[in-house]
PDB file of N, CA and C in Angstrom:
ATOM      1  N   MET A   1     119.716  81.107  91.508  1.00  0.00           N
ATOM      2  CA  MET A   1     118.656  82.046  91.856  1.00  0.00           C
ATOM      3  C   MET A   1     119.085  82.915  93.035  1.00  0.00           C
ATOM      4  N   LEU A   2     119.615  82.290  94.058  1.00  0.00           N
ATOM      5  CA  LEU A   2     120.064  83.040  95.231  1.00  0.00           C
ATOM      6  C   LEU A   2     121.219  83.959  94.870  1.00  0.00           C
ATOM      7  N   ASP A   3     122.059  83.511  93.938  1.00  0.00           N
ATOM      8  CA  ASP A   3     123.192  84.324  93.512  1.00  0.00           C
ATOM      9  C   ASP A   3     122.732  85.628  92.864  1.00  0.00           C
ATOM     10  N   ALA A   4     121.600  85.577  92.145  1.00  0.00           N
ATOM     11  CA  ALA A   4     121.075  86.784  91.515  1.00  0.00           C
ATOM     12  C   ALA A   4     120.631  87.803  92.560  1.00  0.00           C
ATOM     13  N   PHE A   5     120.074  87.330  93.651  1.00  0.00           N
ATOM     14  CA  PHE A   5     119.655  88.248  94.718  1.00  0.00           C
ATOM     15  C   PHE A   5     120.843  88.807  95.483  1.00  0.00           C
ATOM     16  N   LEU A   6     121.876  88.017  95.645  1.00  0.00           N
ATOM     17  CA  LEU A   6     123.043  88.477  96.394  1.00  0.00           C
ATOM     18  C   LEU A   6     123.860  89.504  95.625  1.00  0.00           C
ATOM     19  N   HIS A   7     123.839  89.426  94.308  1.00  0.00           N
ATOM     20  CA  HIS A   7     124.650  90.336  93.493  1.00  0.00           C
ATOM     21  C   HIS A   7     123.783  91.328  92.727  1.00  0.00           C
ATOM     22  N   MET A   8     122.683  91.724  93.318  1.00  0.00           N
ATOM     23  CA  MET A   8     121.763  92.679  92.709  1.00  0.00           C
ATOM     24  C   MET A   8     122.291  94.099  92.931  1.00  0.00           C
ATOM     25  N   ASP A   9     122.218  94.940  91.891  1.00  0.00           N
ATOM     26  CA  ASP A   9     122.671  96.318  92.073  1.00  0.00           C
ATOM     27  C   ASP A   9     121.598  97.124  92.816  1.00  0.00           C
ATOM     28  N   GLU A  10     121.989  98.296  93.271  1.00  0.00           N
ATOM     29  CA  GLU A  10     121.115  99.098  94.139  1.00  0.00           C
ATOM     30  C   GLU A  10     119.843  99.559  93.433  1.00  0.00           C
ATOM     31  N   GLU A  11     119.951  99.924  92.169  1.00  0.00           N
ATOM     32  CA  GLU A  11     118.777 100.408  91.441  1.00  0.00           C
ATOM     33  C   GLU A  11     117.725  99.309  91.292  1.00  0.00           C
ATOM     34  N   THR A  12     118.153  98.107  90.968  1.00  0.00           N
ATOM     35  CA  THR A  12     117.222  96.989  90.832  1.00  0.00           C
ATOM     36  C   THR A  12     116.581  96.652  92.168  1.00  0.00           C
ATOM     37  N   PHE A  13     117.374  96.649  93.223  1.00  0.00           N
ATOM     38  CA  PHE A  13     116.840  96.365  94.558  1.00  0.00           C
ATOM     39  C   PHE A  13     115.811  97.413  94.966  1.00  0.00           C
ATOM     40  N   THR A  14     116.107  98.682  94.680  1.00  0.00           N
ATOM     41  CA  THR A  14     115.197  99.763  95.040  1.00  0.00           C
ATOM     42  C   THR A  14     113.871  99.643  94.294  1.00  0.00           C
ATOM     43  N   LYS A  15     113.917  99.387  92.994  1.00  0.00           N
ATOM     44  CA  LYS A  15     112.691  99.241  92.210  1.00  0.00           C
ATOM     45  C   LYS A  15     111.872  98.047  92.686  1.00  0.00           C
ATOM     46  N   LEU A  16     112.541  96.936  92.922  1.00  0.00           N
ATOM     47  CA  LEU A  16     111.849  95.724  93.349  1.00  0.00           C
ATOM     48  C   LEU A  16     111.237  95.893  94.734  1.00  0.00           C
ATOM     49  N   SER A  17     112.000  96.417  95.671  1.00  0.00           N
ATOM     50  CA  SER A  17     111.478  96.567  97.030  1.00  0.00           C
ATOM     51  C   SER A  17     110.374  97.622  97.091  1.00  0.00           C
ATOM     52  N   THR A  18     110.499  98.688  96.309  1.00  0.00           N
ATOM     53  CA  THR A  18     109.447  99.707  96.287  1.00  0.00           C
ATOM     54  C   THR A  18     108.149  99.124  95.748  1.00  0.00           C
ATOM     55  N   ALA A  19     108.234  98.359  94.670  1.00  0.00           N
ATOM     56  CA  ALA A  19     107.035  97.758  94.086  1.00  0.00           C
ATOM     57  C   ALA A  19     106.373  96.793  95.071  1.00  0.00           C
ATOM     58  N   ILE A  20     107.153  95.961  95.719  1.00  0.00           N
ATOM     59  CA  ILE A  20     106.596  94.976  96.653  1.00  0.00           C
ATOM     60  C   ILE A  20     106.006  95.660  97.879  1.00  0.00           C
ATOM     61  N   LEU A  21     106.741  96.591  98.458  1.00  0.00           N
ATOM     62  CA  LEU A  21     106.276  97.237  99.688  1.00  0.00           C
ATOM     63  C   LEU A  21     105.097  98.174  99.439  1.00  0.00           C
ATOM     64  N   CYS A  22     105.079  98.871  98.319  1.00  0.00           N
ATOM     65  CA  CYS A  22     103.933  99.741  98.011  1.00  0.00           C
ATOM     66  C   CYS A  22     102.679  98.909  97.749  1.00  0.00           C
ATOM     67  N   THR A  23     102.843  97.761  97.103  1.00  0.00           N
ATOM     68  CA  THR A  23     101.703  96.871  96.898  1.00  0.00           C
ATOM     69  C   THR A  23     101.152  96.387  98.235  1.00  0.00           C
ATOM     70  N   GLY A  24     102.042  96.020  99.140  1.00  0.00           N
ATOM     71  CA  GLY A  24     101.611  95.609 100.476  1.00  0.00           C
ATOM     72  C   GLY A  24     100.934  96.734 101.234  1.00  0.00           C
ATOM     73  N   LEU A  25     101.458  97.941 101.107  1.00  0.00           N
ATOM     74  CA  LEU A  25     100.872  99.096 101.790  1.00  0.00           C
ATOM     75  C   LEU A  25      99.488  99.411 101.235  1.00  0.00           C
ATOM     76  N   ILE A  26      99.328  99.347  99.928  1.00  0.00           N
ATOM     77  CA  ILE A  26      98.023  99.603  99.318  1.00  0.00           C
ATOM     78  C   ILE A  26      97.028  98.537  99.755  1.00  0.00           C
ATOM     79  N   GLY A  27      97.461  97.282  99.809  1.00  0.00           N
ATOM     80  CA  GLY A  27      96.586  96.217 100.294  1.00  0.00           C
ATOM     81  C   GLY A  27      96.161  96.448 101.739  1.00  0.00           C
ATOM     82  N   TYR A  28      97.105  96.867 102.571  1.00  0.00           N
ATOM     83  CA  TYR A  28      96.803  97.139 103.973  1.00  0.00           C
ATOM     84  C   TYR A  28      95.845  98.333 104.108  1.00  0.00           C
ATOM     85  N   MET A  29      96.028  99.340 103.275  1.00  0.00           N
ATOM     86  CA  MET A  29      95.137 100.499 103.311  1.00  0.00           C
ATOM     87  C   MET A  29      93.718 100.113 102.883  1.00  0.00           C
ATOM     88  N   CYS A  30      93.600  99.195 101.921  1.00  0.00           N
ATOM     89  CA  CYS A  30      92.276  98.695 101.534  1.00  0.00           C
ATOM     90  C   CYS A  30      91.624  97.962 102.708  1.00  0.00           C
ATOM     91  N   PHE A  31      92.414  97.183 103.452  1.00  0.00           N
ATOM     92  CA  PHE A  31      91.904  96.499 104.641  1.00  0.00           C
ATOM     93  C   PHE A  31      91.439  97.517 105.690  1.00  0.00           C
ATOM     94  N   ILE A  32      92.189  98.596 105.864  1.00  0.00           N
ATOM     95  CA  ILE A  32      91.809  99.629 106.824  1.00  0.00           C
ATOM     96  C   ILE A  32      90.491 100.285 106.413  1.00  0.00           C
ATOM     97  N   ILE A  33      90.331 100.574 105.131  1.00  0.00           N
ATOM     98  CA  ILE A  33      89.078 101.167 104.643  1.00  0.00           C
ATOM     99  C   ILE A  33      87.916 100.209 104.901  1.00  0.00           C
ATOM    100  N   TYR A  34      88.126  98.932 104.642  1.00  0.00           N
ATOM    101  CA  TYR A  34      87.085  97.931 104.879  1.00  0.00           C
ATOM    102  C   TYR A  34      86.707  97.882 106.358  1.00  0.00           C
ATOM    103  N   ARG A  35      87.710  97.828 107.232  1.00  0.00           N
ATOM    104  CA  ARG A  35      87.431  97.770 108.673  1.00  0.00           C
ATOM    105  C   ARG A  35      86.745  99.040 109.160  1.00  0.00           C
ATOM    106  N   LEU A  36      87.145 100.187 108.633  1.00  0.00           N
ATOM    107  CA  LEU A  36      86.522 101.444 109.007  1.00  0.00           C
ATOM    108  C   LEU A  36      85.045 101.439 108.621  1.00  0.00           C
ATOM    109  N   ALA A  37      84.745 100.960 107.425  1.00  0.00           N
ATOM    110  CA  ALA A  37      83.356 100.896 106.976  1.00  0.00           C
ATOM    111  C   ALA A  37      82.564  99.891 107.804  1.00  0.00           C
ATOM    112  N   LYS A  38      83.174  98.762 108.122  1.00  0.00           N
ATOM    113  CA  LYS A  38      82.488  97.722 108.892  1.00  0.00           C
ATOM    114  C   LYS A  38      82.237  98.171 110.325  1.00  0.00           C
ATOM    115  N   ASP A  39      83.262  98.727 110.970  1.00  0.00           N
ATOM    116  CA  ASP A  39      83.131  99.131 112.372  1.00  0.00           C
ATOM    117  C   ASP A  39      82.193 100.322 112.553  1.00  0.00           C
ATOM    118  N   SER A  40      82.109 101.188 111.548  1.00  0.00           N
ATOM    119  CA  SER A  40      81.230 102.345 111.664  1.00  0.00           C
ATOM    120  C   SER A  40      79.817 102.042 111.164  1.00  0.00           C
ATOM    121  N   LYS A  41      79.598 100.812 110.699  1.00  0.00           N
ATOM    122  CA  LYS A  41      78.292 100.389 110.163  1.00  0.00           C
ATOM    123  C   LYS A  41      77.832 101.367 109.071  1.00  0.00           C
ATOM    124  N   ALA A  42      78.723 101.610 108.121  1.00  0.00           N
ATOM    125  CA  ALA A  42      78.478 102.614 107.093  1.00  0.00           C
ATOM    126  C   ALA A  42      77.420 102.187 106.084  1.00  0.00           C
ATOM    127  N   GLY A  43      77.182 100.926 105.919  1.00  0.00           N
ATOM    128  CA  GLY A  43      76.228 100.470 104.920  1.00  0.00           C
ATOM    129  C   GLY A  43      76.860 100.433 103.541  1.00  0.00           C
ATOM    130  N   LYS A  44      76.045 100.078 102.566  1.00  0.00           N
ATOM    131  CA  LYS A  44      76.567  99.928 101.208  1.00  0.00           C
ATOM    132  C   LYS A  44      77.010 101.272 100.614  1.00  0.00           C
ATOM    133  N   TYR A  45      76.158 102.271 100.711  1.00  0.00           N
ATOM    134  CA  TYR A  45      76.487 103.576 100.148  1.00  0.00           C
ATOM    135  C   TYR A  45      77.683 104.213 100.875  1.00  0.00           C
ATOM    136  N   GLY A  46      77.692 104.126 102.182  1.00  0.00           N
ATOM    137  CA  GLY A  46      78.805 104.684 102.961  1.00  0.00           C
ATOM    138  C   GLY A  46      80.119 103.989 102.663  1.00  0.00           C
ATOM    139  N   THR A  47      80.066 102.687 102.453  1.00  0.00           N
ATOM    140  CA  THR A  47      81.281 101.949 102.111  1.00  0.00           C
ATOM    141  C   THR A  47      81.815 102.379 100.754  1.00  0.00           C
ATOM    142  N   ILE A  48      80.908 102.589  99.810  1.00  0.00           N
ATOM    143  CA  ILE A  48      81.330 103.054  98.485  1.00  0.00           C
ATOM    144  C   ILE A  48      81.961 104.434  98.570  1.00  0.00           C
ATOM    145  N   VAL A  49      81.356 105.313  99.360  1.00  0.00           N
ATOM    146  CA  VAL A  49      81.904 106.663  99.519  1.00  0.00           C
ATOM    147  C   VAL A  49      83.269 106.612 100.200  1.00  0.00           C
ATOM    148  N   LEU A  50      83.396 105.820 101.248  1.00  0.00           N
ATOM    149  CA  LEU A  50      84.693 105.678 101.929  1.00  0.00           C
ATOM    150  C   LEU A  50      85.753 105.133 100.980  1.00  0.00           C
ATOM    151  N   ALA A  51      85.403 104.098 100.232  1.00  0.00           N
ATOM    152  CA  ALA A  51      86.368 103.491  99.314  1.00  0.00           C
ATOM    153  C   ALA A  51      86.779 104.493  98.235  1.00  0.00           C
ATOM    154  N   PHE A  52      85.834 105.270  97.732  1.00  0.00           N
ATOM    155  CA  PHE A  52      86.166 106.249  96.698  1.00  0.00           C
ATOM    156  C   PHE A  52      87.040 107.366  97.250  1.00  0.00           C
ATOM    157  N   VAL A  53      86.632 107.955  98.343  1.00  0.00           N
ATOM    158  CA  VAL A  53      87.350 109.118  98.884  1.00  0.00           C
ATOM    159  C   VAL A  53      88.720 108.722  99.413  1.00  0.00           C
ATOM    160  N   LEU A  54      88.784 107.679 100.218  1.00  0.00           N
ATOM    161  CA  LEU A  54      90.066 107.287 100.793  1.00  0.00           C
ATOM    162  C   LEU A  54      90.948 106.555  99.792  1.00  0.00           C
ATOM    163  N   GLY A  55      90.325 105.885  98.834  1.00  0.00           N
ATOM    164  CA  GLY A  55      91.098 105.186  97.820  1.00  0.00           C
ATOM    165  C   GLY A  55      91.579 106.086  96.694  1.00  0.00           C
ATOM    166  N   PHE A  56      91.083 107.304  96.633  1.00  0.00           N
ATOM    167  CA  PHE A  56      91.472 108.211  95.567  1.00  0.00           C
ATOM    168  C   PHE A  56      92.961 108.540  95.616  1.00  0.00           C
ATOM    169  N   GLY A  57      93.520 108.655  96.793  1.00  0.00           N
ATOM    170  CA  GLY A  57      94.957 108.908  96.934  1.00  0.00           C
ATOM    171  C   GLY A  57      95.789 107.741  96.435  1.00  0.00           C
ATOM    172  N   MET A  58      95.348 106.527  96.726  1.00  0.00           N
ATOM    173  CA  MET A  58      96.051 105.342  96.221  1.00  0.00           C
ATOM    174  C   MET A  58      95.971 105.290  94.702  1.00  0.00           C
ATOM    175  N   PHE A  59      94.803 105.620  94.162  1.00  0.00           N
ATOM    176  CA  PHE A  59      94.624 105.623  92.720  1.00  0.00           C
ATOM    177  C   PHE A  59      95.560 106.639  92.068  1.00  0.00           C
ATOM    178  N   GLY A  60      95.697 107.809  92.663  1.00  0.00           N
ATOM    179  CA  GLY A  60      96.601 108.828  92.140  1.00  0.00           C
ATOM    180  C   GLY A  60      98.041 108.362  92.140  1.00  0.00           C
ATOM    181  N   PHE A  61      98.453 107.673  93.179  1.00  0.00           N
ATOM    182  CA  PHE A  61      99.820 107.148  93.250  1.00  0.00           C
ATOM    183  C   PHE A  61     100.058 106.120  92.158  1.00  0.00           C
ATOM    184  N   ILE A  62      99.093 105.247  91.925  1.00  0.00           N
ATOM    185  CA  ILE A  62      99.234 104.216  90.900  1.00  0.00           C
ATOM    186  C   ILE A  62      99.294 104.856  89.512  1.00  0.00           C
ATOM    187  N   VAL A  63      98.437 105.837  89.250  1.00  0.00           N
ATOM    188  CA  VAL A  63      98.431 106.515  87.955  1.00  0.00           C
ATOM    189  C   VAL A  63      99.745 107.260  87.742  1.00  0.00           C
ATOM    190  N   LYS A  64     100.262 107.904  88.775  1.00  0.00           N
ATOM    191  CA  LYS A  64     101.528 108.619  88.658  1.00  0.00           C
ATOM    192  C   LYS A  64     102.656 107.664  88.300  1.00  0.00           C
ATOM    193  N   THR A  65     102.675 106.499  88.919  1.00  0.00           N
ATOM    194  CA  THR A  65     103.708 105.510  88.634  1.00  0.00           C
ATOM    195  C   THR A  65     103.619 105.018  87.195  1.00  0.00           C
ATOM    196  N   ILE A  66     102.412 104.741  86.740  1.00  0.00           N
ATOM    197  CA  ILE A  66     102.230 104.264  85.366  1.00  0.00           C
ATOM    198  C   ILE A  66     102.618 105.349  84.368  1.00  0.00           C
ATOM    199  N   LEU A  67     102.179 106.581  84.598  1.00  0.00           N
ATOM    200  CA  LEU A  67     102.526 107.674  83.687  1.00  0.00           C
ATOM    201  C   LEU A  67     104.027 107.940  83.643  1.00  0.00           C
ATOM    202  N   THR A  68     104.693 107.833  84.761  1.00  0.00           N
ATOM    203  CA  THR A  68     106.132 108.025  84.805  1.00  0.00           C
ATOM    204  C   THR A  68     106.833 106.982  83.956  1.00  0.00           C
ATOM    205  N   GLU A  69     106.420 105.728  84.069  1.00  0.00           N
ATOM    206  CA  GLU A  69     107.034 104.655  83.275  1.00  0.00           C
ATOM    207  C   GLU A  69     106.755 104.845  81.782  1.00  0.00           C
ATOM    208  N   VAL A  70     105.533 105.239  81.440  1.00  0.00           N
ATOM    209  CA  VAL A  70     105.178 105.410  80.027  1.00  0.00           C
ATOM    210  C   VAL A  70     105.931 106.579  79.419  1.00  0.00           C
ATOM    211  N   LEU A  71     106.034 107.684  80.137  1.00  0.00           N
ATOM    212  CA  LEU A  71     106.694 108.867  79.593  1.00  0.00           C
ATOM    213  C   LEU A  71     108.216 108.734  79.529  1.00  0.00           C
ATOM    214  N   GLN A  72     108.802 107.875  80.343  1.00  0.00           N
ATOM    215  CA  GLN A  72     110.237 107.674  80.305  1.00  0.00           C
ATOM    216  C   GLN A  72     110.667 106.829  79.115  1.00  0.00           C
ATOM    217  N   LYS A  73     109.762 106.086  78.522  1.00  0.00           N
ATOM    218  CA  LYS A  73     110.122 105.226  77.387  1.00  0.00           C
ATOM    219  C   LYS A  73     110.017 105.922  76.084  1.00  0.00           C
TER     220      LYS A  73
END
């Protein structure tokens, strides 16, 4: 198992690290949206609006990634 990681080519490493790090970044951004809503006492409606507006960019990135993979095949 360790040997597979040590002899990984650059393209595989790039795809794997991008997927892992972008997932972590999106998770962290969701936490930031939650804290922003909580600290500003936005309420239920305000939290939904914050999640929609600020999460729309993350949604676009995810859709772009999926469309790129589908169209390349």
